[in-house]
């Protein structure tokens, strides 16, 4: 799988969220660049912690904006976190599949950010 490349057109228009998204691309690439299991474990844990922090920050922003699709968006976050937890459990039992993580990261980094997250920015701009 090719590396994740951040592009400015991925921005939703909120510096905090956009900066976090860009950092998540970097963390995802670190996972796939890890040279051994110890480095991979460290990178995966760092990525998962940051994803969870990002979700809370993004949910706080949506709440402040009174975003009408808040509940559905939080559910999407919960589904991603459930997939992350499953991958984390597999990692701890040596059943880890880098392919499963790559698929999740592709789904989330590209589909979720370019779909659901972009809608937050679009909706907020219409409210101004």
C-alpha atoms as a PDB file:
ATOM      1  CA  UNK A   1       0.000   0.000   0.000  1.00  0.00           C
ATOM      2  CA  UNK A   2       1.306   3.425  -0.833  1.00  0.00           C
ATOM      3  CA  UNK A   3       1.977   6.008   1.824  1.00  0.00           C
ATOM      4  CA  UNK A   4      -0.625   8.505   2.902  1.00  0.00           C
ATOM      5  CA  UNK A   5      -0.010  11.951   1.483  1.00  0.00           C
ATOM      6  CA  UNK A   6      -1.612  15.016   3.068  1.00  0.00           C
ATOM      7  CA  UNK A   7      -3.046  17.551   0.658  1.00  0.00           C
ATOM      8  CA  UNK A   8      -4.374  20.990   1.481  1.00  0.00           C
ATOM      9  CA  UNK A   9      -7.724  20.184  -0.138  1.00  0.00           C
ATOM     10  CA  UNK A  10      -8.308  17.718   2.729  1.00  0.00           C
ATOM     11  CA  UNK A  11      -8.732  20.696   5.084  1.00  0.00           C
ATOM     12  CA  UNK A  12     -12.162  21.228   6.630  1.00  0.00           C
ATOM     13  CA  UNK A  13     -11.461  24.824   7.671  1.00  0.00           C
ATOM     14  CA  UNK A  14     -10.685  24.475  11.388  1.00  0.00           C
ATOM     15  CA  UNK A  15      -6.995  24.748  12.215  1.00  0.00           C
ATOM     16  CA  UNK A  16      -7.064  22.395  15.210  1.00  0.00           C
ATOM     17  CA  UNK A  17      -8.803  19.606  13.305  1.00  0.00           C
ATOM     18  CA  UNK A  18      -6.832  20.171  10.118  1.00  0.00           C
ATOM     19  CA  UNK A  19      -3.543  20.081  12.016  1.00  0.00           C
ATOM     20  CA  UNK A  20      -4.588  16.884  13.762  1.00  0.00           C
ATOM     21  CA  UNK A  21      -5.626  15.281  10.487  1.00  0.00           C
ATOM     22  CA  UNK A  22      -2.274  16.143   8.950  1.00  0.00           C
ATOM     23  CA  UNK A  23      -0.475  14.725  11.994  1.00  0.00           C
ATOM     24  CA  UNK A  24      -2.532  11.526  11.754  1.00  0.00           C
ATOM     25  CA  UNK A  25      -1.295  11.059   8.195  1.00  0.00           C
ATOM     26  CA  UNK A  26       2.265  11.305   9.511  1.00  0.00           C
ATOM     27  CA  UNK A  27       1.568   8.830  12.324  1.00  0.00           C
ATOM     28  CA  UNK A  28      -0.032   6.364   9.910  1.00  0.00           C
ATOM     29  CA  UNK A  29       3.055   6.530   7.723  1.00  0.00           C
ATOM     30  CA  UNK A  30       5.281   5.926  10.771  1.00  0.00           C
ATOM     31  CA  UNK A  31       3.370   2.705  11.441  1.00  0.00           C
ATOM     32  CA  UNK A  32       4.072   1.427   7.956  1.00  0.00           C
ATOM     33  CA  UNK A  33       7.724   2.494   8.145  1.00  0.00           C
ATOM     34  CA  UNK A  34       8.345   0.607  11.409  1.00  0.00           C
ATOM     35  CA  UNK A  35      11.288  -1.747  11.004  1.00  0.00           C
ATOM     36  CA  UNK A  36      10.587  -4.283  13.746  1.00  0.00           C
ATOM     37  CA  UNK A  37       7.828  -5.459  16.069  1.00  0.00           C
ATOM     38  CA  UNK A  38       8.923  -3.240  18.972  1.00  0.00           C
ATOM     39  CA  UNK A  39       8.917  -0.120  16.784  1.00  0.00           C
ATOM     40  CA  UNK A  40       5.615  -1.170  15.235  1.00  0.00           C
ATOM     41  CA  UNK A  41       4.020  -1.618  18.662  1.00  0.00           C
ATOM     42  CA  UNK A  42       5.192   1.838  19.754  1.00  0.00           C
ATOM     43  CA  UNK A  43       3.918   3.478  16.551  1.00  0.00           C
ATOM     44  CA  UNK A  44       0.549   1.696  16.693  1.00  0.00           C
ATOM     45  CA  UNK A  45       0.027   2.721  20.332  1.00  0.00           C
ATOM     46  CA  UNK A  46       0.968   6.328  19.551  1.00  0.00           C
ATOM     47  CA  UNK A  47      -1.414   6.374  16.576  1.00  0.00           C
ATOM     48  CA  UNK A  48      -4.308   4.874  18.535  1.00  0.00           C
ATOM     49  CA  UNK A  49      -3.865   7.325  21.440  1.00  0.00           C
ATOM     50  CA  UNK A  50      -3.798  10.254  19.056  1.00  0.00           C
ATOM     51  CA  UNK A  51      -6.870   9.023  17.152  1.00  0.00           C
ATOM     52  CA  UNK A  52      -8.858   8.901  20.382  1.00  0.00           C
ATOM     53  CA  UNK A  53      -7.705  12.394  21.402  1.00  0.00           C
ATOM     54  CA  UNK A  54      -8.552  13.705  17.952  1.00  0.00           C
ATOM     55  CA  UNK A  55     -12.043  12.225  18.083  1.00  0.00           C
ATOM     56  CA  UNK A  56     -12.763  13.919  21.428  1.00  0.00           C
ATOM     57  CA  UNK A  57     -11.491  17.259  20.084  1.00  0.00           C
ATOM     58  CA  UNK A  58     -13.548  16.919  16.915  1.00  0.00           C
ATOM     59  CA  UNK A  59     -16.647  15.959  18.906  1.00  0.00           C
ATOM     60  CA  UNK A  60     -16.157  18.998  21.142  1.00  0.00           C
ATOM     61  CA  UNK A  61     -15.979  21.212  18.042  1.00  0.00           C
ATOM     62  CA  UNK A  62     -19.147  19.678  16.602  1.00  0.00           C
ATOM     63  CA  UNK A  63     -20.919  20.247  19.909  1.00  0.00           C
ATOM     64  CA  UNK A  64     -19.820  23.892  20.006  1.00  0.00           C
ATOM     65  CA  UNK A  65     -21.066  24.346  16.441  1.00  0.00           C
ATOM     66  CA  UNK A  66     -24.377  22.615  17.222  1.00  0.00           C
ATOM     67  CA  UNK A  67     -23.628  20.363  14.278  1.00  0.00           C
ATOM     68  CA  UNK A  68     -26.924  18.665  13.318  1.00  0.00           C
ATOM     69  CA  UNK A  69     -25.344  15.300  12.422  1.00  0.00           C
ATOM     70  CA  UNK A  70     -23.384  15.126  15.688  1.00  0.00           C
ATOM     71  CA  UNK A  71     -24.869  11.826  16.918  1.00  0.00           C
ATOM     72  CA  UNK A  72     -24.249  10.020  13.644  1.00  0.00           C
ATOM     73  CA  UNK A  73     -20.704  11.364  13.421  1.00  0.00           C
ATOM     74  CA  UNK A  74     -19.948  10.220  16.974  1.00  0.00           C
ATOM     75  CA  UNK A  75     -21.293   6.793  16.019  1.00  0.00           C
ATOM     76  CA  UNK A  76     -18.829   6.712  13.112  1.00  0.00           C
ATOM     77  CA  UNK A  77     -16.038   7.540  15.567  1.00  0.00           C
ATOM     78  CA  UNK A  78     -17.242   4.769  17.892  1.00  0.00           C
ATOM     79  CA  UNK A  79     -17.159   2.269  15.027  1.00  0.00           C
ATOM     80  CA  UNK A  80     -13.600   3.259  14.143  1.00  0.00           C
ATOM     81  CA  UNK A  81     -12.560   3.004  17.810  1.00  0.00           C
ATOM     82  CA  UNK A  82     -14.109  -0.468  17.979  1.00  0.00           C
ATOM     83  CA  UNK A  83     -12.047  -1.519  14.960  1.00  0.00           C
ATOM     84  CA  UNK A  84      -8.943   0.009  16.575  1.00  0.00           C
ATOM     85  CA  UNK A  85      -9.623  -1.928  19.794  1.00  0.00           C
ATOM     86  CA  UNK A  86      -9.953  -5.160  17.833  1.00  0.00           C
ATOM     87  CA  UNK A  87      -6.649  -4.531  16.057  1.00  0.00           C
ATOM     88  CA  UNK A  88      -5.015  -3.633  19.386  1.00  0.00           C
ATOM     89  CA  UNK A  89      -6.248  -6.896  20.951  1.00  0.00           C
ATOM     90  CA  UNK A  90      -4.957  -8.836  17.951  1.00  0.00           C
ATOM     91  CA  UNK A  91      -1.596  -7.121  18.293  1.00  0.00           C
ATOM     92  CA  UNK A  92      -1.341  -8.219  21.925  1.00  0.00           C
ATOM     93  CA  UNK A  93      -1.967 -11.857  20.958  1.00  0.00           C
ATOM     94  CA  UNK A  94       0.315 -11.879  17.909  1.00  0.00           C
ATOM     95  CA  UNK A  95      -2.695 -12.137  15.588  1.00  0.00           C
ATOM     96  CA  UNK A  96      -2.017  -8.644  14.245  1.00  0.00           C
ATOM     97  CA  UNK A  97      -2.544  -7.989  10.567  1.00  0.00           C
ATOM     98  CA  UNK A  98      -0.836  -4.936   9.132  1.00  0.00           C
ATOM     99  CA  UNK A  99      -3.222  -5.295   6.193  1.00  0.00           C
ATOM    100  CA  UNK A 100      -6.256  -4.846   8.472  1.00  0.00           C
ATOM    101  CA  UNK A 101      -4.694  -1.703   9.888  1.00  0.00           C
ATOM    102  CA  UNK A 102      -3.875  -0.416   6.406  1.00  0.00           C
ATOM    103  CA  UNK A 103      -7.470  -0.952   5.303  1.00  0.00           C
ATOM    104  CA  UNK A 104      -8.801   0.798   8.410  1.00  0.00           C
ATOM    105  CA  UNK A 105      -6.430   3.721   7.982  1.00  0.00           C
ATOM    106  CA  UNK A 106      -7.319   4.040   4.315  1.00  0.00           C
ATOM    107  CA  UNK A 107     -11.048   3.929   5.137  1.00  0.00           C
ATOM    108  CA  UNK A 108     -10.685   6.458   7.899  1.00  0.00           C
ATOM    109  CA  UNK A 109      -7.991   8.810   6.683  1.00  0.00           C
ATOM    110  CA  UNK A 110      -9.414   9.114   3.235  1.00  0.00           C
ATOM    111  CA  UNK A 111     -13.095   8.168   3.269  1.00  0.00           C
ATOM    112  CA  UNK A 112     -14.026   9.547   6.696  1.00  0.00           C
ATOM    113  CA  UNK A 113     -11.999  12.764   6.523  1.00  0.00           C
ATOM    114  CA  UNK A 114     -12.962  13.501   2.922  1.00  0.00           C
ATOM    115  CA  UNK A 115     -16.579  12.561   3.548  1.00  0.00           C
ATOM    116  CA  UNK A 116     -18.013  12.991   7.034  1.00  0.00           C
ATOM    117  CA  UNK A 117     -15.404  15.454   8.321  1.00  0.00           C
ATOM    118  CA  UNK A 118     -15.593  17.699   5.261  1.00  0.00           C
ATOM    119  CA  UNK A 119     -19.349  17.966   5.881  1.00  0.00           C
ATOM    120  CA  UNK A 120     -18.648  19.592   9.262  1.00  0.00           C
ATOM    121  CA  UNK A 121     -16.673  22.372   7.599  1.00  0.00           C
ATOM    122  CA  UNK A 122     -19.233  22.816   4.817  1.00  0.00           C
ATOM    123  CA  UNK A 123     -22.101  23.037   7.284  1.00  0.00           C
ATOM    124  CA  UNK A 124     -20.240  25.512   9.519  1.00  0.00           C
ATOM    125  CA  UNK A 125     -19.423  27.800   6.576  1.00  0.00           C
ATOM    126  CA  UNK A 126     -23.105  27.908   5.591  1.00  0.00           C
ATOM    127  CA  UNK A 127     -23.979  29.051   9.124  1.00  0.00           C
ATOM    128  CA  UNK A 128     -21.720  32.114   8.979  1.00  0.00           C
END
